[in-house]
Amino acid sequence: MSLNNQQRLFILTICTLLVACKPNVGQPPYLITDLTLLAVRGNPPEAQPGANVTYSFLLASPSDGTVTNADAAWDVCMTPKPPAVSNAVSSACTQVPDPTTVAPGQTFASAIPTKVCSLFGPIAPPPVAGQPPVAPRNPDSTGGYYLPVRVRVNPAGAEELSGFAFERIQCNLASAAADIIEQYNSQYTPNNPPGIDHTDLVDAGGNRLPLDTGSQSAPAGSVWSIEATFVDGSAETFPVYDPQSEALVNQQESLHMSWFVTGGTFEHDRTGTAAGEATSSTSNQWTAPKQAGTIYLWLVLRDSRGGIDYKSYQIQVGS
C-alpha cells in the first residue's frame, strides 16, 4: 500500500502534534529507512502575541544521519480549523501557500500574530457578515492553545516533506473571576523546553558507554539499554484553571521520548514519564543489527505543553 502526498501530510500533521512519527506502512515507526522529518519546534516553545519565535526542524537520513543543508519553506497558518474537524489543523493549512508569504531557510523567525488569541485561543473572533458566529477555542488538558507553523522541506532529488510546529500561545484566561485571573497571571510561567542532558549505552552488567562523547561500538546482535537523562527541571509545574471548581490546579508536565534508529530493533517506539512522576531519565532496550556498519540514532523529547528537545548519535556496529 502506498500513500499519496495528501495522506502523508495528514498523518504527519497528527503525529507532529502528539509525537514525532513517520507514515511508513509495514515497518516499526522507529525505523528510519527514508528521509524523514522527525520534529519541528519553536524557540521559545510558548510566546505572547507580538513576541518573536525562531523555528527549526530535525531531518533524518538513513545514509547520512542528521541533514543540515536541506532547502525549506515556512509559512504561518492563519486559518483555524472548524470545531468538527478531527485533523490537527484546517485543511486550508495543508494547501500550497501563497508564494509571497513563504520564508525560505533552515530556520524561520516570525512574530506571533497579534490576533492569534481570537483565531486559535479563547477569545471569540469578531462576527463576519453573512456567516454564523464562531465559538472561542477550548484549551487542551494543560490549558494551552497553539498556532500552527508549517515547514515544507525539499531535499535535493527527494520528495518534499511537510510538517508543523505547534507554537503554544499565551492568552488570557476566559470565563474566570477577576481574582483568579490575577492569581493565574502572578503564578503562571511560560513553558521552557525540556532537555536531554546525556545518553548512555548500558550493557547487561550495568557498564555505561557515553554517547555524547562520540561514537561508541556495539557487537552485532548485542542487546543494550539506551538510557537518556533529562536536564534538571524539564518537567515543570504550572497552574491550570479548572472551570468545574472555578479554581487553579497545579499540574506537572509529562515527558515523552520518541526513539528513531537506522538499524536494529527497539522494544518501544516511545517511552517517558507521566505527570507527577519523579523520574530523571527514560530508557529503551535496543538490539543491534546482525550486520556491521554505522547506525544513526535520534531522540526526540516532548513535554505536555509543546516543548521539544532532540539529539542525534552514532553507534558503530562491529561484526
Protein backbone atom coordinates (compact mmCIF):
# COMPACT_ATOMS: atom_id res chain seq x y z
CA MET A 1 0.00 0.00 0.00
CA SER A 2 1.39 3.42 -0.90
CA LEU A 3 0.45 6.84 0.48
CA ASN A 4 -0.10 9.91 -1.64
CA ASN A 5 1.19 13.34 -0.60
CA GLN A 6 -2.12 14.44 0.91
CA GLN A 7 -2.33 11.28 3.03
CA ARG A 8 1.27 11.67 4.16
CA LEU A 9 0.65 15.27 5.15
CA PHE A 10 -2.49 14.39 7.10
CA ILE A 11 -0.66 11.67 9.05
CA LEU A 12 2.40 13.84 9.68
CA THR A 13 0.18 16.68 10.89
CA ILE A 14 -1.39 14.46 13.54
CA CYS A 15 1.95 12.95 14.51
CA THR A 16 3.72 16.29 14.81
CA LEU A 17 1.10 17.49 17.31
CA LEU A 18 1.27 14.41 19.51
CA VAL A 19 4.66 12.79 18.93
CA ALA A 20 7.06 12.62 16.03
CA CYS A 21 6.42 9.68 13.75
CA LYS A 22 6.80 8.62 10.15
CA PRO A 23 3.97 7.30 7.95
CA ASN A 24 5.62 4.13 6.65
CA VAL A 25 3.21 1.23 6.48
CA GLY A 26 4.51 -2.23 7.38
CA GLN A 27 7.56 -1.30 9.45
CA PRO A 28 8.15 -0.07 13.01
CA PRO A 29 7.68 3.71 13.44
CA TYR A 30 11.15 3.98 14.99
CA LEU A 31 12.97 2.56 11.95
CA ILE A 32 14.35 5.22 9.57
CA THR A 33 14.65 3.88 6.02
CA ASP A 34 13.87 7.08 4.08
CA LEU A 35 14.42 10.80 4.58
CA THR A 36 12.08 11.61 7.46
CA LEU A 37 11.03 14.84 9.14
CA LEU A 38 11.18 13.90 12.83
CA ALA A 39 10.34 17.16 14.58
CA VAL A 40 9.56 20.83 14.05
CA ARG A 41 9.96 23.18 17.01
CA GLY A 42 9.71 26.79 18.05
CA ASN A 43 12.11 28.61 20.37
CA PRO A 44 10.77 29.66 22.79
CA PRO A 45 8.03 26.99 22.81
CA GLU A 46 5.47 29.39 24.30
CA ALA A 47 5.11 33.08 23.49
CA GLN A 48 2.75 36.04 23.77
CA PRO A 49 1.15 37.73 20.75
CA GLY A 50 3.74 40.01 19.17
CA ALA A 51 6.74 38.09 20.55
CA ASN A 52 9.42 36.71 18.21
CA VAL A 53 9.88 32.96 17.78
CA THR A 54 12.55 31.05 15.81
CA TYR A 55 11.51 27.74 14.26
CA SER A 56 13.72 24.83 13.18
CA PHE A 57 13.37 21.18 12.17
CA LEU A 58 15.08 17.80 12.53
CA LEU A 59 15.54 15.88 9.27
CA ALA A 60 16.87 12.31 9.42
CA SER A 61 18.63 10.41 6.63
CA PRO A 62 19.28 6.64 6.80
CA SER A 63 22.62 7.10 4.99
CA ASP A 64 23.90 10.46 6.27
CA GLY A 65 22.37 10.94 9.72
CA THR A 66 21.02 14.40 10.51
CA VAL A 67 20.60 16.56 7.40
CA THR A 68 21.55 20.20 7.99
CA ASN A 69 21.57 21.62 4.46
CA ALA A 70 18.07 20.90 3.12
CA ASP A 71 16.06 23.64 1.44
CA ALA A 72 12.91 24.55 3.35
CA ALA A 73 9.99 26.96 3.04
CA TRP A 74 7.97 28.21 6.02
CA ASP A 75 4.57 29.81 6.44
CA VAL A 76 2.28 30.63 9.37
CA CYS A 77 -1.22 29.19 9.10
CA MET A 78 -3.85 31.79 9.99
CA THR A 79 -6.94 29.65 9.30
CA PRO A 80 -8.34 27.92 12.40
CA LYS A 81 -9.90 24.52 11.85
CA PRO A 82 -13.67 24.16 12.29
CA PRO A 83 -14.56 22.57 15.65
CA ALA A 84 -16.00 19.48 13.94
CA VAL A 85 -12.77 18.74 12.04
CA SER A 86 -10.73 15.98 13.70
CA ASN A 87 -7.46 16.83 11.96
CA ALA A 88 -4.88 18.83 13.91
CA VAL A 89 -5.13 21.79 11.51
CA SER A 90 -7.53 23.26 9.00
CA SER A 91 -7.39 21.72 5.52
CA ALA A 92 -6.53 25.22 4.29
CA CYS A 93 -3.21 24.92 6.11
CA THR A 94 -2.23 21.90 4.01
CA GLN A 95 -2.73 23.59 0.66
CA VAL A 96 0.07 25.13 -1.40
CA PRO A 97 0.62 28.56 0.22
CA ASP A 98 0.81 31.93 -1.45
CA PRO A 99 4.47 32.15 -2.57
CA THR A 100 4.63 35.77 -1.40
CA THR A 101 4.07 34.66 2.20
CA VAL A 102 6.65 31.86 2.26
CA ALA A 103 10.01 32.34 4.00
CA PRO A 104 12.88 30.04 2.87
CA GLY A 105 15.67 28.72 5.06
CA GLN A 106 16.82 26.14 7.60
CA THR A 107 15.28 28.28 10.33
CA PHE A 108 12.40 30.74 10.36
CA ALA A 109 11.96 33.76 12.63
CA SER A 110 8.50 35.29 12.93
CA ALA A 111 6.43 37.29 15.41
CA ILE A 112 3.30 35.71 16.87
CA PRO A 113 0.36 37.45 15.13
CA THR A 114 -1.38 39.95 17.38
CA LYS A 115 -4.86 38.49 16.71
CA VAL A 116 -3.81 34.91 17.38
CA CYS A 117 -5.85 34.54 20.59
CA SER A 118 -9.08 35.29 18.71
CA LEU A 119 -8.23 32.81 15.93
CA PHE A 120 -6.73 29.94 17.91
CA GLY A 121 -7.46 30.91 21.52
CA PRO A 122 -10.26 31.63 23.99
CA ILE A 123 -11.39 34.95 22.52
CA ALA A 124 -14.32 34.77 20.11
CA PRO A 125 -13.37 36.40 16.79
CA PRO A 126 -15.45 39.33 15.50
CA PRO A 127 -18.55 38.19 13.60
CA VAL A 128 -18.41 38.18 9.81
CA ALA A 129 -21.46 39.43 7.92
CA GLY A 130 -23.48 36.58 6.44
CA GLN A 131 -21.66 33.89 8.47
CA PRO A 132 -22.60 32.23 11.76
CA PRO A 133 -20.65 33.31 14.85
CA VAL A 134 -17.51 31.34 15.65
CA ALA A 135 -17.12 29.98 19.17
CA PRO A 136 -13.86 30.52 21.04
CA ARG A 137 -11.41 27.63 21.16
CA ASN A 138 -11.25 25.15 24.01
CA PRO A 139 -7.85 24.66 25.65
CA ASP A 140 -6.07 21.32 25.80
CA SER A 141 -5.68 19.49 29.12
CA THR A 142 -2.81 21.79 30.11
CA GLY A 143 -4.79 24.97 29.39
CA GLY A 144 -2.90 25.58 26.15
CA TYR A 145 -3.68 26.99 22.71
CA TYR A 146 -1.47 26.55 19.66
CA LEU A 147 -0.54 28.34 16.44
CA PRO A 148 0.38 26.01 13.53
CA VAL A 149 3.53 26.94 11.58
CA ARG A 150 4.24 24.81 8.50
CA VAL A 151 7.57 23.83 7.02
CA ARG A 152 8.00 22.22 3.60
CA VAL A 153 11.39 20.55 3.23
CA ASN A 154 12.69 19.76 -0.24
CA PRO A 155 15.98 17.82 -0.11
CA ALA A 156 17.86 17.69 -3.40
CA GLY A 157 16.45 14.91 -5.56
CA ALA A 158 13.96 13.79 -2.91
CA GLU A 159 10.22 14.06 -2.40
CA GLU A 160 9.04 17.13 -0.49
CA LEU A 161 8.21 16.56 3.18
CA SER A 162 5.81 18.70 5.21
CA GLY A 163 5.22 19.13 8.91
CA PHE A 164 4.08 21.59 11.55
CA ALA A 165 5.38 23.29 14.64
CA PHE A 166 2.56 23.94 17.10
CA GLU A 167 3.61 27.06 18.96
CA ARG A 168 1.93 27.45 22.33
CA ILE A 169 0.43 30.92 22.64
CA GLN A 170 -0.14 32.89 25.83
CA CYS A 171 -3.74 34.09 26.04
CA ASN A 172 -5.71 35.49 28.95
CA LEU A 173 -7.95 33.20 30.94
CA ALA A 174 -11.53 33.17 29.72
CA SER A 175 -14.66 32.97 31.90
CA ALA A 176 -12.71 33.18 35.16
CA ALA A 177 -13.27 35.54 38.08
CA ALA A 178 -11.06 38.61 38.32
CA ASP A 179 -9.22 37.35 41.41
CA ILE A 180 -8.49 34.01 39.70
CA ILE A 181 -7.14 35.80 36.64
CA GLU A 182 -4.89 37.93 38.84
CA GLN A 183 -3.67 34.85 40.70
CA TYR A 184 -3.06 32.98 37.46
CA ASN A 185 -1.07 35.84 35.93
CA SER A 186 1.13 36.05 39.01
CA GLN A 187 1.81 32.29 39.14
CA TYR A 188 1.98 31.13 35.53
CA THR A 189 5.43 30.80 33.95
CA PRO A 190 5.70 30.29 30.16
CA ASN A 191 6.96 26.88 29.13
CA ASN A 192 10.68 26.29 28.91
CA PRO A 193 11.61 23.37 26.65
CA PRO A 194 12.64 20.08 28.24
CA GLY A 195 16.21 18.93 27.73
CA ILE A 196 18.17 15.74 27.06
CA ASP A 197 21.24 16.09 29.27
CA HIS A 198 23.13 12.97 28.18
CA THR A 199 22.57 9.49 26.77
CA ASP A 200 24.37 6.23 27.58
CA LEU A 201 24.60 2.73 26.17
CA VAL A 202 24.24 0.35 29.14
CA ASP A 203 25.14 -3.33 28.94
CA ALA A 204 23.67 -6.20 30.98
CA GLY A 205 26.29 -5.68 33.67
CA GLY A 206 25.44 -2.01 34.13
CA ASN A 207 28.54 -0.73 32.35
CA ARG A 208 27.93 2.60 30.62
CA LEU A 209 29.24 3.91 27.30
CA PRO A 210 28.52 7.67 26.96
CA LEU A 211 27.17 8.53 23.53
CA ASP A 212 27.62 12.28 23.96
CA THR A 213 31.42 11.95 23.91
CA GLY A 214 31.41 10.40 20.44
CA SER A 215 30.51 7.25 18.53
CA GLN A 216 30.54 4.03 20.58
CA SER A 217 30.92 0.43 19.40
CA ALA A 218 28.49 -2.44 19.84
CA PRO A 219 28.87 -6.05 18.64
CA ALA A 220 26.40 -7.21 16.00
CA GLY A 221 23.29 -8.68 17.59
CA SER A 222 24.14 -7.44 21.08
CA VAL A 223 21.41 -6.19 23.43
CA TRP A 224 21.68 -2.85 25.22
CA SER A 225 19.65 -0.46 27.29
CA ILE A 226 19.86 3.08 25.94
CA GLU A 227 19.26 5.50 28.80
CA ALA A 228 18.59 9.22 28.31
CA THR A 229 18.83 11.54 31.31
CA PHE A 230 16.73 14.69 31.40
CA VAL A 231 18.02 18.16 32.18
CA ASP A 232 17.02 19.15 35.72
CA GLY A 233 13.68 20.94 35.76
CA SER A 234 12.48 19.52 32.42
CA ALA A 235 9.10 18.58 33.95
CA GLU A 236 7.80 21.95 35.10
CA THR A 237 4.85 22.62 37.40
CA PHE A 238 2.27 25.21 36.35
CA PRO A 239 -1.29 26.28 37.24
CA VAL A 240 -4.29 25.26 35.14
CA TYR A 241 -7.77 26.78 35.51
CA ASP A 242 -10.44 24.19 36.33
CA PRO A 243 -13.84 25.53 35.23
CA GLN A 244 -15.66 22.90 37.30
CA SER A 245 -14.20 24.01 40.62
CA GLU A 246 -13.54 27.56 39.36
CA ALA A 247 -10.07 27.33 40.88
CA LEU A 248 -6.45 26.95 39.83
CA VAL A 249 -4.96 23.47 40.00
CA ASN A 250 -1.23 22.81 39.84
CA GLN A 251 -0.17 20.36 37.15
CA GLN A 252 3.25 18.88 36.36
CA GLU A 253 4.33 18.27 32.78
CA SER A 254 4.60 14.76 31.45
CA LEU A 255 7.65 13.92 29.30
CA HIS A 256 7.61 11.62 26.28
CA MET A 257 10.63 10.37 24.35
CA SER A 258 10.33 9.17 20.74
CA TRP A 259 13.13 6.87 19.57
CA PHE A 260 14.41 6.55 15.99
CA VAL A 261 17.21 4.44 14.58
CA THR A 262 18.50 3.27 11.19
CA GLY A 263 19.17 -0.32 12.23
CA GLY A 264 18.40 -2.89 14.90
CA THR A 265 15.21 -3.10 16.92
CA PHE A 266 13.75 -1.14 19.83
CA GLU A 267 11.46 -2.59 22.47
CA HIS A 268 9.31 0.56 22.39
CA ASP A 269 8.59 3.36 19.90
CA ARG A 270 8.03 5.75 22.76
CA THR A 271 8.86 5.97 26.47
CA GLY A 272 8.66 8.66 29.13
CA THR A 273 7.21 9.78 32.42
CA ALA A 274 3.67 10.61 33.41
CA ALA A 275 2.71 13.86 35.12
CA GLY A 276 3.79 13.77 38.75
CA GLU A 277 6.44 11.08 38.35
CA ALA A 278 9.76 11.99 39.95
CA THR A 279 11.88 10.31 37.29
CA SER A 280 15.03 11.90 35.88
CA SER A 281 15.57 9.55 32.92
CA THR A 282 13.97 7.16 30.46
CA SER A 283 15.35 4.08 28.74
CA ASN A 284 14.65 1.69 25.88
CA GLN A 285 16.05 -1.73 25.02
CA TRP A 286 17.89 -1.82 21.70
CA THR A 287 19.15 -4.90 19.88
CA ALA A 288 21.95 -4.16 17.43
CA PRO A 289 21.56 -5.39 13.85
CA LYS A 290 23.41 -8.51 12.73
CA GLN A 291 25.23 -6.58 10.01
CA ALA A 292 28.23 -4.36 10.74
CA GLY A 293 28.03 -0.67 9.90
CA THR A 294 27.22 2.83 11.17
CA ILE A 295 23.88 3.20 12.95
CA TYR A 296 22.29 6.63 13.42
CA LEU A 297 20.14 7.26 16.47
CA TRP A 298 17.75 10.16 17.17
CA LEU A 299 15.93 11.01 20.39
CA VAL A 300 13.02 13.49 20.39
CA LEU A 301 11.83 14.63 23.81
CA ARG A 302 8.50 16.42 24.22
CA ASP A 303 6.73 17.87 27.24
CA SER A 304 2.96 18.15 27.57
CA ARG A 305 2.99 21.92 26.93
CA GLY A 306 4.56 21.66 23.46
CA GLY A 307 8.25 21.97 24.33
CA ILE A 308 10.72 19.89 22.30
CA ASP A 309 14.37 18.90 22.51
CA TYR A 310 16.25 16.46 20.32
CA LYS A 311 19.68 14.90 19.94
CA SER A 312 21.37 12.61 17.43
CA TYR A 313 24.08 9.98 17.92
CA GLN A 314 26.15 7.37 16.09
CA ILE A 315 26.83 3.74 17.04
CA GLN A 316 29.38 1.61 15.24
CA VAL A 317 28.18 -1.98 14.96
CA GLY A 318 31.02 -4.46 14.64
CA SER A 319 30.98 -7.95 13.20
